[in-house]
Amino acid sequence: MKSQAMKYALAGTLAGVANGLFGAGGGLVLVPLFLSWLKLGQRESFATSVYVIAPLSAASAVTYLMQHSFDFSASLPYLAGGFLGGIVMGTVFHKIPMPYVRRAFGALLIYGGVRAVMLW
């Protein structure tokens, strides 16, 4: 039991580090661990990751705000669109076949990786 708690704490720490450092990425840590350690299904792993990442993102945002490295007014249009997109996709997520979800996620990772390398 103690070993499980340590794994969960480590996974949460890694997700928080990724989220705080990169502004995203906690789900990259959590989804595979939810699949392997918790034996959740793919849909449940994605959804649970979103649930966990929300407070981690809030903690990172508060930290950035306290350090004055956060432009709230610049974030508003993205926040509004992201909120709407999250509601719409959260509603239809269960209707999308998982192979499409995995491919879209993979394409997003490849796109982000290429952008990160090209901007470096």
PDB file of N, CA and C in Angstrom:
ATOM      1  N   MET A   1       0.830  -1.196   0.000  1.00  0.00           N
ATOM      2  CA  MET A   1       0.000   0.000   0.000  1.00  0.00           C
ATOM      3  C   MET A   1       0.867   1.249   0.000  1.00  0.00           C
ATOM      4  N   LYS A   2       1.929   1.244   0.794  1.00  0.00           N
ATOM      5  CA  LYS A   2       2.809   2.401   0.853  1.00  0.00           C
ATOM      6  C   LYS A   2       3.480   2.626  -0.500  1.00  0.00           C
ATOM      7  N   SER A   3       3.799   1.532  -1.188  1.00  0.00           N
ATOM      8  CA  SER A   3       4.420   1.620  -2.513  1.00  0.00           C
ATOM      9  C   SER A   3       3.470   2.291  -3.512  1.00  0.00           C
ATOM     10  N   GLN A   4       2.202   1.959  -3.445  1.00  0.00           N
ATOM     11  CA  GLN A   4       1.206   2.580  -4.327  1.00  0.00           C
ATOM     12  C   GLN A   4       1.109   4.075  -4.051  1.00  0.00           C
ATOM     13  N   ALA A   5       1.063   4.454  -2.800  1.00  0.00           N
ATOM     14  CA  ALA A   5       0.973   5.868  -2.433  1.00  0.00           C
ATOM     15  C   ALA A   5       2.195   6.630  -2.935  1.00  0.00           C
ATOM     16  N   MET A   6       3.355   6.016  -2.873  1.00  0.00           N
ATOM     17  CA  MET A   6       4.578   6.650  -3.377  1.00  0.00           C
ATOM     18  C   MET A   6       4.508   6.835  -4.893  1.00  0.00           C
ATOM     19  N   LYS A   7       3.978   5.832  -5.596  1.00  0.00           N
ATOM     20  CA  LYS A   7       3.844   5.951  -7.047  1.00  0.00           C
ATOM     21  C   LYS A   7       2.887   7.082  -7.410  1.00  0.00           C
ATOM     22  N   TYR A   8       1.790   7.182  -6.685  1.00  0.00           N
ATOM     23  CA  TYR A   8       0.818   8.237  -6.966  1.00  0.00           C
ATOM     24  C   TYR A   8       1.408   9.614  -6.674  1.00  0.00           C
ATOM     25  N   ALA A   9       2.130   9.709  -5.564  1.00  0.00           N
ATOM     26  CA  ALA A   9       2.766  10.988  -5.227  1.00  0.00           C
ATOM     27  C   ALA A   9       3.816  11.363  -6.272  1.00  0.00           C
ATOM     28  N   LEU A  10       4.589  10.393  -6.723  1.00  0.00           N
ATOM     29  CA  LEU A  10       5.593  10.652  -7.756  1.00  0.00           C
ATOM     30  C   LEU A  10       4.929  11.077  -9.064  1.00  0.00           C
ATOM     31  N   ALA A  11       3.861  10.392  -9.443  1.00  0.00           N
ATOM     32  CA  ALA A  11       3.149  10.750 -10.673  1.00  0.00           C
ATOM     33  C   ALA A  11       2.581  12.159 -10.576  1.00  0.00           C
ATOM     34  N   GLY A  12       1.988  12.494  -9.446  1.00  0.00           N
ATOM     35  CA  GLY A  12       1.451  13.834  -9.248  1.00  0.00           C
ATOM     36  C   GLY A  12       2.536  14.893  -9.281  1.00  0.00           C
ATOM     37  N   THR A  13       3.670  14.583  -8.677  1.00  0.00           N
ATOM     38  CA  THR A  13       4.792  15.526  -8.685  1.00  0.00           C
ATOM     39  C   THR A  13       5.294  15.750 -10.113  1.00  0.00           C
ATOM     40  N   LEU A  14       5.474  14.673 -10.865  1.00  0.00           N
ATOM     41  CA  LEU A  14       5.924  14.802 -12.249  1.00  0.00           C
ATOM     42  C   LEU A  14       4.921  15.592 -13.092  1.00  0.00           C
ATOM     43  N   ALA A  15       3.635  15.346 -12.872  1.00  0.00           N
ATOM     44  CA  ALA A  15       2.610  16.094 -13.598  1.00  0.00           C
ATOM     45  C   ALA A  15       2.662  17.570 -13.234  1.00  0.00           C
ATOM     46  N   GLY A  16       2.824  17.874 -11.962  1.00  0.00           N
ATOM     47  CA  GLY A  16       2.927  19.266 -11.527  1.00  0.00           C
ATOM     48  C   GLY A  16       4.158  19.952 -12.090  1.00  0.00           C
ATOM     49  N   VAL A  17       5.282  19.247 -12.113  1.00  0.00           N
ATOM     50  CA  VAL A  17       6.514  19.804 -12.679  1.00  0.00           C
ATOM     51  C   VAL A  17       6.324  20.099 -14.158  1.00  0.00           C
ATOM     52  N   ALA A  18       5.778  19.138 -14.894  1.00  0.00           N
ATOM     53  CA  ALA A  18       5.555  19.349 -16.329  1.00  0.00           C
ATOM     54  C   ALA A  18       4.599  20.509 -16.560  1.00  0.00           C
ATOM     55  N   ASN A  19       3.545  20.569 -15.772  1.00  0.00           N
ATOM     56  CA  ASN A  19       2.557  21.629 -15.932  1.00  0.00           C
ATOM     57  C   ASN A  19       3.138  22.998 -15.590  1.00  0.00           C
ATOM     58  N   GLY A  20       3.891  23.075 -14.504  1.00  0.00           N
ATOM     59  CA  GLY A  20       4.480  24.347 -14.096  1.00  0.00           C
ATOM     60  C   GLY A  20       5.599  24.800 -15.010  1.00  0.00           C
ATOM     61  N   LEU A  21       6.404  23.859 -15.492  1.00  0.00           N
ATOM     62  CA  LEU A  21       7.545  24.207 -16.321  1.00  0.00           C
ATOM     63  C   LEU A  21       7.158  24.525 -17.757  1.00  0.00           C
ATOM     64  N   PHE A  22       6.279  23.707 -18.320  1.00  0.00           N
ATOM     65  CA  PHE A  22       5.921  23.851 -19.733  1.00  0.00           C
ATOM     66  C   PHE A  22       4.572  24.500 -19.963  1.00  0.00           C
ATOM     67  N   GLY A  23       3.795  24.702 -18.907  1.00  0.00           N
ATOM     68  CA  GLY A  23       2.463  25.263 -19.079  1.00  0.00           C
ATOM     69  C   GLY A  23       1.459  24.218 -19.509  1.00  0.00           C
ATOM     70  N   ALA A  24       1.893  23.004 -19.675  1.00  0.00           N
ATOM     71  CA  ALA A  24       1.043  21.873 -20.058  1.00  0.00           C
ATOM     72  C   ALA A  24       1.896  20.622 -19.937  1.00  0.00           C
ATOM     73  N   GLY A  25       1.322  19.510 -20.210  1.00  0.00           N
ATOM     74  CA  GLY A  25       2.106  18.295 -20.240  1.00  0.00           C
ATOM     75  C   GLY A  25       1.879  17.353 -19.085  1.00  0.00           C
ATOM     76  N   GLY A  26       1.135  17.788 -18.073  1.00  0.00           N
ATOM     77  CA  GLY A  26       0.871  16.889 -16.960  1.00  0.00           C
ATOM     78  C   GLY A  26       0.123  15.642 -17.384  1.00  0.00           C
ATOM     79  N   GLY A  27      -0.743  15.794 -18.360  1.00  0.00           N
ATOM     80  CA  GLY A  27      -1.485  14.645 -18.874  1.00  0.00           C
ATOM     81  C   GLY A  27      -0.595  13.626 -19.555  1.00  0.00           C
ATOM     82  N   LEU A  28       0.512  14.101 -20.113  1.00  0.00           N
ATOM     83  CA  LEU A  28       1.458  13.174 -20.739  1.00  0.00           C
ATOM     84  C   LEU A  28       2.040  12.221 -19.711  1.00  0.00           C
ATOM     85  N   VAL A  29       2.160  12.691 -18.496  1.00  0.00           N
ATOM     86  CA  VAL A  29       2.664  11.862 -17.411  1.00  0.00           C
ATOM     87  C   VAL A  29       1.541  10.996 -16.859  1.00  0.00           C
ATOM     88  N   LEU A  30       0.388  11.610 -16.645  1.00  0.00           N
ATOM     89  CA  LEU A  30      -0.680  10.921 -15.929  1.00  0.00           C
ATOM     90  C   LEU A  30      -1.416   9.867 -16.739  1.00  0.00           C
ATOM     91  N   VAL A  31      -1.714  10.134 -17.994  1.00  0.00           N
ATOM     92  CA  VAL A  31      -2.527   9.179 -18.762  1.00  0.00           C
ATOM     93  C   VAL A  31      -1.874   7.798 -18.808  1.00  0.00           C
ATOM     94  N   PRO A  32      -0.596   7.690 -19.156  1.00  0.00           N
ATOM     95  CA  PRO A  32      -0.002   6.337 -19.155  1.00  0.00           C
ATOM     96  C   PRO A  32      -0.008   5.681 -17.773  1.00  0.00           C
ATOM     97  N   LEU A  33       0.165   6.477 -16.735  1.00  0.00           N
ATOM     98  CA  LEU A  33       0.168   5.908 -15.391  1.00  0.00           C
ATOM     99  C   LEU A  33      -1.230   5.490 -14.955  1.00  0.00           C
ATOM    100  N   PHE A  34      -2.234   6.246 -15.347  1.00  0.00           N
ATOM    101  CA  PHE A  34      -3.613   5.837 -15.050  1.00  0.00           C
ATOM    102  C   PHE A  34      -3.931   4.520 -15.749  1.00  0.00           C
ATOM    103  N   LEU A  35      -3.428   4.370 -16.963  1.00  0.00           N
ATOM    104  CA  LEU A  35      -3.663   3.132 -17.709  1.00  0.00           C
ATOM    105  C   LEU A  35      -2.958   1.947 -17.050  1.00  0.00           C
ATOM    106  N   SER A  36      -1.697   2.142 -16.664  1.00  0.00           N
ATOM    107  CA  SER A  36      -0.926   1.008 -16.143  1.00  0.00           C
ATOM    108  C   SER A  36      -1.107   0.788 -14.644  1.00  0.00           C
ATOM    109  N   TRP A  37      -1.030   1.836 -13.843  1.00  0.00           N
ATOM    110  CA  TRP A  37      -1.090   1.666 -12.393  1.00  0.00           C
ATOM    111  C   TRP A  37      -2.509   1.513 -11.872  1.00  0.00           C
ATOM    112  N   LEU A  38      -3.418   2.334 -12.390  1.00  0.00           N
ATOM    113  CA  LEU A  38      -4.798   2.269 -11.896  1.00  0.00           C
ATOM    114  C   LEU A  38      -5.677   1.327 -12.709  1.00  0.00           C
ATOM    115  N   LYS A  39      -5.141   0.895 -13.849  1.00  0.00           N
ATOM    116  CA  LYS A  39      -5.888   0.001 -14.748  1.00  0.00           C
ATOM    117  C   LYS A  39      -7.195   0.633 -15.221  1.00  0.00           C
ATOM    118  N   LEU A  40      -7.186   1.975 -15.376  1.00  0.00           N
ATOM    119  CA  LEU A  40      -8.352   2.652 -15.924  1.00  0.00           C
ATOM    120  C   LEU A  40      -8.396   2.418 -17.425  1.00  0.00           C
ATOM    121  N   GLY A  41      -9.573   2.531 -18.001  1.00  0.00           N
ATOM    122  CA  GLY A  41      -9.703   2.469 -19.444  1.00  0.00           C
ATOM    123  C   GLY A  41      -9.158   3.755 -20.067  1.00  0.00           C
ATOM    124  N   GLN A  42      -9.061   3.757 -21.381  1.00  0.00           N
ATOM    125  CA  GLN A  42      -8.504   4.919 -22.062  1.00  0.00           C
ATOM    126  C   GLN A  42      -9.344   6.168 -21.843  1.00  0.00           C
ATOM    127  N   ARG A  43     -10.629   6.064 -22.009  1.00  0.00           N
ATOM    128  CA  ARG A  43     -11.502   7.233 -21.811  1.00  0.00           C
ATOM    129  C   ARG A  43     -11.411   7.757 -20.385  1.00  0.00           C
ATOM    130  N   GLU A  44     -11.447   6.837 -19.427  1.00  0.00           N
ATOM    131  CA  GLU A  44     -11.374   7.247 -18.032  1.00  0.00           C
ATOM    132  C   GLU A  44     -10.021   7.883 -17.721  1.00  0.00           C
ATOM    133  N   SER A  45      -8.963   7.384 -18.340  1.00  0.00           N
ATOM    134  CA  SER A  45      -7.634   7.953 -18.116  1.00  0.00           C
ATOM    135  C   SER A  45      -7.549   9.372 -18.640  1.00  0.00           C
ATOM    136  N   PHE A  46      -8.051   9.602 -19.851  1.00  0.00           N
ATOM    137  CA  PHE A  46      -8.045  10.959 -20.414  1.00  0.00           C
ATOM    138  C   PHE A  46      -8.879  11.903 -19.545  1.00  0.00           C
ATOM    139  N   ALA A  47     -10.084  11.456 -19.186  1.00  0.00           N
ATOM    140  CA  ALA A  47     -10.987  12.314 -18.411  1.00  0.00           C
ATOM    141  C   ALA A  47     -10.433  12.581 -17.014  1.00  0.00           C
ATOM    142  N   THR A  48      -9.871  11.568 -16.367  1.00  0.00           N
ATOM    143  CA  THR A  48      -9.314  11.747 -15.040  1.00  0.00           C
ATOM    144  C   THR A  48      -8.114  12.685 -15.084  1.00  0.00           C
ATOM    145  N   SER A  49      -7.336  12.586 -16.155  1.00  0.00           N
ATOM    146  CA  SER A  49      -6.196  13.481 -16.323  1.00  0.00           C
ATOM    147  C   SER A  49      -6.645  14.934 -16.386  1.00  0.00           C
ATOM    148  N   VAL A  50      -7.698  15.202 -17.119  1.00  0.00           N
ATOM    149  CA  VAL A  50      -8.226  16.568 -17.211  1.00  0.00           C
ATOM    150  C   VAL A  50      -8.653  17.053 -15.831  1.00  0.00           C
ATOM    151  N   TYR A  51      -9.300  16.178 -15.084  1.00  0.00           N
ATOM    152  CA  TYR A  51      -9.766  16.529 -13.741  1.00  0.00           C
ATOM    153  C   TYR A  51      -8.599  16.873 -12.821  1.00  0.00           C
ATOM    154  N   VAL A  52      -7.512  16.130 -12.926  1.00  0.00           N
ATOM    155  CA  VAL A  52      -6.343  16.374 -12.075  1.00  0.00           C
ATOM    156  C   VAL A  52      -5.582  17.613 -12.536  1.00  0.00           C
ATOM    157  N   ILE A  53      -5.485  17.813 -13.835  1.00  0.00           N
ATOM    158  CA  ILE A  53      -4.698  18.917 -14.380  1.00  0.00           C
ATOM    159  C   ILE A  53      -5.327  20.273 -14.072  1.00  0.00           C
ATOM    160  N   ALA A  54      -6.633  20.339 -13.938  1.00  0.00           N
ATOM    161  CA  ALA A  54      -7.294  21.626 -13.676  1.00  0.00           C
ATOM    162  C   ALA A  54      -6.748  22.311 -12.424  1.00  0.00           C
ATOM    163  N   PRO A  55      -6.700  21.651 -11.263  1.00  0.00           N
ATOM    164  CA  PRO A  55      -6.136  22.340 -10.098  1.00  0.00           C
ATOM    165  C   PRO A  55      -4.623  22.572 -10.221  1.00  0.00           C
ATOM    166  N   LEU A  56      -3.912  21.678 -10.913  1.00  0.00           N
ATOM    167  CA  LEU A  56      -2.478  21.903 -11.116  1.00  0.00           C
ATOM    168  C   LEU A  56      -2.259  23.157 -11.953  1.00  0.00           C
ATOM    169  N   SER A  57      -3.079  23.338 -12.979  1.00  0.00           N
ATOM    170  CA  SER A  57      -2.977  24.534 -13.816  1.00  0.00           C
ATOM    171  C   SER A  57      -3.314  25.783 -13.011  1.00  0.00           C
ATOM    172  N   ALA A  58      -4.317  25.680 -12.156  1.00  0.00           N
ATOM    173  CA  ALA A  58      -4.671  26.831 -11.314  1.00  0.00           C
ATOM    174  C   ALA A  58      -3.513  27.190 -10.384  1.00  0.00           C
ATOM    175  N   ALA A  59      -2.867  26.177  -9.815  1.00  0.00           N
ATOM    176  CA  ALA A  59      -1.726  26.438  -8.926  1.00  0.00           C
ATOM    177  C   ALA A  59      -0.591  27.106  -9.692  1.00  0.00           C
ATOM    178  N   SER A  60      -0.307  26.629 -10.900  1.00  0.00           N
ATOM    179  CA  SER A  60       0.746  27.240 -11.717  1.00  0.00           C
ATOM    180  C   SER A  60       0.383  28.674 -12.079  1.00  0.00           C
ATOM    181  N   ALA A  61      -0.877  28.899 -12.438  1.00  0.00           N
ATOM    182  CA  ALA A  61      -1.311  30.248 -12.823  1.00  0.00           C
ATOM    183  C   ALA A  61      -1.182  31.220 -11.654  1.00  0.00           C
ATOM    184  N   VAL A  62      -1.566  30.796 -10.470  1.00  0.00           N
ATOM    185  CA  VAL A  62      -1.444  31.655  -9.291  1.00  0.00           C
ATOM    186  C   VAL A  62       0.029  31.980  -9.028  1.00  0.00           C
ATOM    187  N   THR A  63       0.883  30.981  -9.160  1.00  0.00           N
ATOM    188  CA  THR A  63       2.315  31.199  -8.949  1.00  0.00           C
ATOM    189  C   THR A  63       2.862  32.205  -9.947  1.00  0.00           C
ATOM    190  N   TYR A  64       2.517  32.040 -11.219  1.00  0.00           N
ATOM    191  CA  TYR A  64       2.967  32.987 -12.248  1.00  0.00           C
ATOM    192  C   TYR A  64       2.406  34.382 -11.998  1.00  0.00           C
ATOM    193  N   LEU A  65       1.153  34.455 -11.569  1.00  0.00           N
ATOM    194  CA  LEU A  65       0.532  35.736 -11.268  1.00  0.00           C
ATOM    195  C   LEU A  65       1.261  36.435 -10.119  1.00  0.00           C
ATOM    196  N   MET A  66       1.626  35.707  -9.103  1.00  0.00           N
ATOM    197  CA  MET A  66       2.335  36.290  -7.960  1.00  0.00           C
ATOM    198  C   MET A  66       3.730  36.780  -8.356  1.00  0.00           C
ATOM    199  N   GLN A  67       4.298  36.177  -9.391  1.00  0.00           N
ATOM    200  CA  GLN A  67       5.628  36.582  -9.862  1.00  0.00           C
ATOM    201  C   GLN A  67       5.546  37.641 -10.964  1.00  0.00           C
ATOM    202  N   HIS A  68       4.336  38.109 -11.240  1.00  0.00           N
ATOM    203  CA  HIS A  68       4.092  39.134 -12.251  1.00  0.00           C
ATOM    204  C   HIS A  68       4.550  38.710 -13.646  1.00  0.00           C
ATOM    205  N   SER A  69       4.449  37.430 -13.943  1.00  0.00           N
ATOM    206  CA  SER A  69       4.803  36.954 -15.278  1.00  0.00           C
ATOM    207  C   SER A  69       3.580  36.337 -15.949  1.00  0.00           C
ATOM    208  N   PHE A  70       2.443  36.980 -15.730  1.00  0.00           N
ATOM    209  CA  PHE A  70       1.171  36.471 -16.220  1.00  0.00           C
ATOM    210  C   PHE A  70       0.393  37.648 -16.774  1.00  0.00           C
ATOM    211  N   ASP A  71      -0.012  37.588 -18.034  1.00  0.00           N
ATOM    212  CA  ASP A  71      -0.790  38.662 -18.655  1.00  0.00           C
ATOM    213  C   ASP A  71      -2.247  38.226 -18.732  1.00  0.00           C
ATOM    214  N   PHE A  72      -3.002  38.597 -17.708  1.00  0.00           N
ATOM    215  CA  PHE A  72      -4.393  38.164 -17.613  1.00  0.00           C
ATOM    216  C   PHE A  72      -5.218  38.627 -18.803  1.00  0.00           C
ATOM    217  N   SER A  73      -5.070  39.883 -19.221  1.00  0.00           N
ATOM    218  CA  SER A  73      -5.891  40.394 -20.324  1.00  0.00           C
ATOM    219  C   SER A  73      -5.596  39.665 -21.639  1.00  0.00           C
ATOM    220  N   ALA A  74      -4.348  39.266 -21.837  1.00  0.00           N
ATOM    221  CA  ALA A  74      -4.008  38.527 -23.058  1.00  0.00           C
ATOM    222  C   ALA A  74      -4.594  37.120 -23.041  1.00  0.00           C
ATOM    223  N   SER A  75      -4.852  36.591 -21.855  1.00  0.00           N
ATOM    224  CA  SER A  75      -5.359  35.228 -21.754  1.00  0.00           C
ATOM    225  C   SER A  75      -6.875  35.128 -21.930  1.00  0.00           C
ATOM    226  N   LEU A  76      -7.588  36.234 -21.773  1.00  0.00           N
ATOM    227  CA  LEU A  76      -9.053  36.172 -21.788  1.00  0.00           C
ATOM    228  C   LEU A  76      -9.657  35.584 -23.062  1.00  0.00           C
ATOM    229  N   PRO A  77      -9.238  36.005 -24.262  1.00  0.00           N
ATOM    230  CA  PRO A  77      -9.847  35.388 -25.455  1.00  0.00           C
ATOM    231  C   PRO A  77      -9.603  33.879 -25.522  1.00  0.00           C
ATOM    232  N   TYR A  78      -8.438  33.448 -25.096  1.00  0.00           N
ATOM    233  CA  TYR A  78      -8.130  32.021 -25.116  1.00  0.00           C
ATOM    234  C   TYR A  78      -8.911  31.282 -24.051  1.00  0.00           C
ATOM    235  N   LEU A  79      -9.093  31.925 -22.925  1.00  0.00           N
ATOM    236  CA  LEU A  79      -9.854  31.319 -21.843  1.00  0.00           C
ATOM    237  C   LEU A  79     -11.303  31.104 -22.259  1.00  0.00           C
ATOM    238  N   ALA A  80     -11.886  32.102 -22.893  1.00  0.00           N
ATOM    239  CA  ALA A  80     -13.280  31.982 -23.339  1.00  0.00           C
ATOM    240  C   ALA A  80     -13.424  30.862 -24.364  1.00  0.00           C
ATOM    241  N   GLY A  81     -12.552  30.847 -25.362  1.00  0.00           N
ATOM    242  CA  GLY A  81     -12.608  29.798 -26.382  1.00  0.00           C
ATOM    243  C   GLY A  81     -12.310  28.430 -25.808  1.00  0.00           C
ATOM    244  N   GLY A  82     -11.326  28.352 -24.920  1.00  0.00           N
ATOM    245  CA  GLY A  82     -10.982  27.079 -24.305  1.00  0.00           C
ATOM    246  C   GLY A  82     -12.095  26.547 -23.428  1.00  0.00           C
ATOM    247  N   PHE A  83     -12.770  27.446 -22.730  1.00  0.00           N
ATOM    248  CA  PHE A  83     -13.883  27.036 -21.884  1.00  0.00           C
ATOM    249  C   PHE A  83     -15.007  26.451 -22.743  1.00  0.00           C
ATOM    250  N   LEU A  84     -15.335  27.137 -23.819  1.00  0.00           N
ATOM    251  CA  LEU A  84     -16.385  26.648 -24.716  1.00  0.00           C
ATOM    252  C   LEU A  84     -15.980  25.328 -25.367  1.00  0.00           C
ATOM    253  N   GLY A  85     -14.742  25.273 -25.855  1.00  0.00           N
ATOM    254  CA  GLY A  85     -14.257  24.036 -26.470  1.00  0.00           C
ATOM    255  C   GLY A  85     -14.239  22.881 -25.497  1.00  0.00           C
ATOM    256  N   GLY A  86     -13.869  23.153 -24.247  1.00  0.00           N
ATOM    257  CA  GLY A  86     -13.863  22.111 -23.232  1.00  0.00           C
ATOM    258  C   GLY A  86     -15.250  21.569 -22.944  1.00  0.00           C
ATOM    259  N   ILE A  87     -16.224  22.451 -22.903  1.00  0.00           N
ATOM    260  CA  ILE A  87     -17.606  22.006 -22.669  1.00  0.00           C
ATOM    261  C   ILE A  87     -18.107  21.167 -23.842  1.00  0.00           C
ATOM    262  N   VAL A  88     -17.878  21.667 -25.050  1.00  0.00           N
ATOM    263  CA  VAL A  88     -18.362  20.950 -26.240  1.00  0.00           C
ATOM    264  C   VAL A  88     -17.691  19.583 -26.346  1.00  0.00           C
ATOM    265  N   MET A  89     -16.371  19.550 -26.272  1.00  0.00           N
ATOM    266  CA  MET A  89     -15.671  18.282 -26.445  1.00  0.00           C
ATOM    267  C   MET A  89     -15.869  17.347 -25.253  1.00  0.00           C
ATOM    268  N   GLY A  90     -15.998  17.901 -24.052  1.00  0.00           N
ATOM    269  CA  GLY A  90     -16.303  17.054 -22.910  1.00  0.00           C
ATOM    270  C   GLY A  90     -17.656  16.376 -23.060  1.00  0.00           C
ATOM    271  N   THR A  91     -18.576  17.058 -23.740  1.00  0.00           N
ATOM    272  CA  THR A  91     -19.907  16.502 -23.966  1.00  0.00           C
ATOM    273  C   THR A  91     -19.897  15.406 -25.021  1.00  0.00           C
ATOM    274  N   VAL A  92     -19.110  15.577 -26.076  1.00  0.00           N
ATOM    275  CA  VAL A  92     -19.121  14.605 -27.183  1.00  0.00           C
ATOM    276  C   VAL A  92     -17.973  13.594 -27.105  1.00  0.00           C
ATOM    277  N   PHE A  93     -17.084  13.737 -26.123  1.00  0.00           N
ATOM    278  CA  PHE A  93     -15.909  12.867 -26.010  1.00  0.00           C
ATOM    279  C   PHE A  93     -16.275  11.390 -26.050  1.00  0.00           C
ATOM    280  N   HIS A  94     -17.322  11.005 -25.350  1.00  0.00           N
ATOM    281  CA  HIS A  94     -17.697   9.590 -25.269  1.00  0.00           C
ATOM    282  C   HIS A  94     -18.202   9.031 -26.597  1.00  0.00           C
ATOM    283  N   LYS A  95     -18.496   9.907 -27.552  1.00  0.00           N
ATOM    284  CA  LYS A  95     -19.004   9.464 -28.858  1.00  0.00           C
ATOM    285  C   LYS A  95     -17.896   9.287 -29.894  1.00  0.00           C
ATOM    286  N   ILE A  96     -16.705   9.799 -29.611  1.00  0.00           N
ATOM    287  CA  ILE A  96     -15.601   9.732 -30.572  1.00  0.00           C
ATOM    288  C   ILE A  96     -14.848   8.425 -30.365  1.00  0.00           C
ATOM    289  N   PRO A  97     -14.663   7.649 -31.434  1.00  0.00           N
ATOM    290  CA  PRO A  97     -13.911   6.391 -31.289  1.00  0.00           C
ATOM    291  C   PRO A  97     -12.489   6.662 -30.781  1.00  0.00           C
ATOM    292  N   MET A  98     -12.035   5.830 -29.854  1.00  0.00           N
ATOM    293  CA  MET A  98     -10.721   6.032 -29.236  1.00  0.00           C
ATOM    294  C   MET A  98      -9.566   6.060 -30.231  1.00  0.00           C
ATOM    295  N   PRO A  99      -9.585   5.281 -31.309  1.00  0.00           N
ATOM    296  CA  PRO A  99      -8.468   5.403 -32.263  1.00  0.00           C
ATOM    297  C   PRO A  99      -8.316   6.832 -32.800  1.00  0.00           C
ATOM    298  N   TYR A 100      -9.416   7.527 -33.001  1.00  0.00           N
ATOM    299  CA  TYR A 100      -9.342   8.910 -33.479  1.00  0.00           C
ATOM    300  C   TYR A 100      -8.797   9.843 -32.399  1.00  0.00           C
ATOM    301  N   VAL A 101      -9.202   9.583 -31.163  1.00  0.00           N
ATOM    302  CA  VAL A 101      -8.700  10.400 -30.058  1.00  0.00           C
ATOM    303  C   VAL A 101      -7.194  10.217 -29.927  1.00  0.00           C
ATOM    304  N   ARG A 102      -6.736   8.965 -29.968  1.00  0.00           N
ATOM    305  CA  ARG A 102      -5.294   8.692 -29.857  1.00  0.00           C
ATOM    306  C   ARG A 102      -4.520   9.314 -31.015  1.00  0.00           C
ATOM    307  N   ARG A 103      -5.053   9.210 -32.223  1.00  0.00           N
ATOM    308  CA  ARG A 103      -4.364   9.806 -33.387  1.00  0.00           C
ATOM    309  C   ARG A 103      -4.308  11.327 -33.278  1.00  0.00           C
ATOM    310  N   ALA A 104      -5.391  11.938 -32.868  1.00  0.00           N
ATOM    311  CA  ALA A 104      -5.400  13.394 -32.719  1.00  0.00           C
ATOM    312  C   ALA A 104      -4.409  13.817 -31.644  1.00  0.00           C
ATOM    313  N   PHE A 105      -4.362  13.080 -30.548  1.00  0.00           N
ATOM    314  CA  PHE A 105      -3.430  13.377 -29.471  1.00  0.00           C
ATOM    315  C   PHE A 105      -1.991  13.211 -29.954  1.00  0.00           C
ATOM    316  N   GLY A 106      -1.730  12.136 -30.675  1.00  0.00           N
ATOM    317  CA  GLY A 106      -0.395  11.913 -31.231  1.00  0.00           C
ATOM    318  C   GLY A 106       0.002  13.012 -32.202  1.00  0.00           C
ATOM    319  N   ALA A 107      -0.921  13.426 -33.061  1.00  0.00           N
ATOM    320  CA  ALA A 107      -0.632  14.502 -34.013  1.00  0.00           C
ATOM    321  C   ALA A 107      -0.328  15.810 -33.276  1.00  0.00           C
ATOM    322  N   LEU A 108      -1.055  16.069 -32.220  1.00  0.00           N
ATOM    323  CA  LEU A 108      -0.803  17.266 -31.422  1.00  0.00           C
ATOM    324  C   LEU A 108       0.582  17.217 -30.783  1.00  0.00           C
ATOM    325  N   LEU A 109       0.974  16.057 -30.282  1.00  0.00           N
ATOM    326  CA  LEU A 109       2.304  15.899 -29.690  1.00  0.00           C
ATOM    327  C   LEU A 109       3.400  16.104 -30.735  1.00  0.00           C
ATOM    328  N   ILE A 110       3.207  15.530 -31.904  1.00  0.00           N
ATOM    329  CA  ILE A 110       4.201  15.694 -32.975  1.00  0.00           C
ATOM    330  C   ILE A 110       4.293  17.159 -33.381  1.00  0.00           C
ATOM    331  N   TYR A 111       3.154  17.796 -33.573  1.00  0.00           N
ATOM    332  CA  TYR A 111       3.143  19.210 -33.939  1.00  0.00           C
ATOM    333  C   TYR A 111       3.872  20.045 -32.889  1.00  0.00           C
ATOM    334  N   GLY A 112       3.537  19.826 -31.618  1.00  0.00           N
ATOM    335  CA  GLY A 112       4.179  20.577 -30.540  1.00  0.00           C
ATOM    336  C   GLY A 112       5.667  20.308 -30.473  1.00  0.00           C
ATOM    337  N   GLY A 113       6.064  19.069 -30.672  1.00  0.00           N
ATOM    338  CA  GLY A 113       7.479  18.724 -30.645  1.00  0.00           C
ATOM    339  C   GLY A 113       8.251  19.374 -31.782  1.00  0.00           C
ATOM    340  N   VAL A 114       7.687  19.341 -32.971  1.00  0.00           N
ATOM    341  CA  VAL A 114       8.344  19.971 -34.115  1.00  0.00           C
ATOM    342  C   VAL A 114       8.442  21.478 -33.899  1.00  0.00           C
ATOM    343  N   ARG A 115       7.374  22.094 -33.428  1.00  0.00           N
ATOM    344  CA  ARG A 115       7.408  23.531 -33.152  1.00  0.00           C
ATOM    345  C   ARG A 115       8.461  23.881 -32.110  1.00  0.00           C
ATOM    346  N   ALA A 116       8.533  23.079 -31.058  1.00  0.00           N
ATOM    347  CA  ALA A 116       9.513  23.349 -30.000  1.00  0.00           C
ATOM    348  C   ALA A 116      10.938  23.253 -30.527  1.00  0.00           C
ATOM    349  N   VAL A 117      11.201  22.259 -31.360  1.00  0.00           N
ATOM    350  CA  VAL A 117      12.548  22.099 -31.908  1.00  0.00           C
ATOM    351  C   VAL A 117      12.865  23.191 -32.919  1.00  0.00           C
ATOM    352  N   MET A 118      11.908  23.553 -33.739  1.00  0.00           N
ATOM    353  CA  MET A 118      12.142  24.551 -34.784  1.00  0.00           C
ATOM    354  C   MET A 118      12.307  25.953 -34.201  1.00  0.00           C
ATOM    355  N   LEU A 119      11.681  26.236 -33.079  1.00  0.00           N
ATOM    356  CA  LEU A 119      11.804  27.541 -32.448  1.00  0.00           C
ATOM    357  C   LEU A 119      13.034  27.640 -31.574  1.00  0.00           C
ATOM    358  N   TRP A 120      13.661  26.528 -31.325  1.00  0.00           N
ATOM    359  CA  TRP A 120      14.805  26.492 -30.456  1.00  0.00           C
ATOM    360  C   TRP A 120      15.937  27.115 -31.156  1.00  0.00           C
TER     361      TRP A 120
END
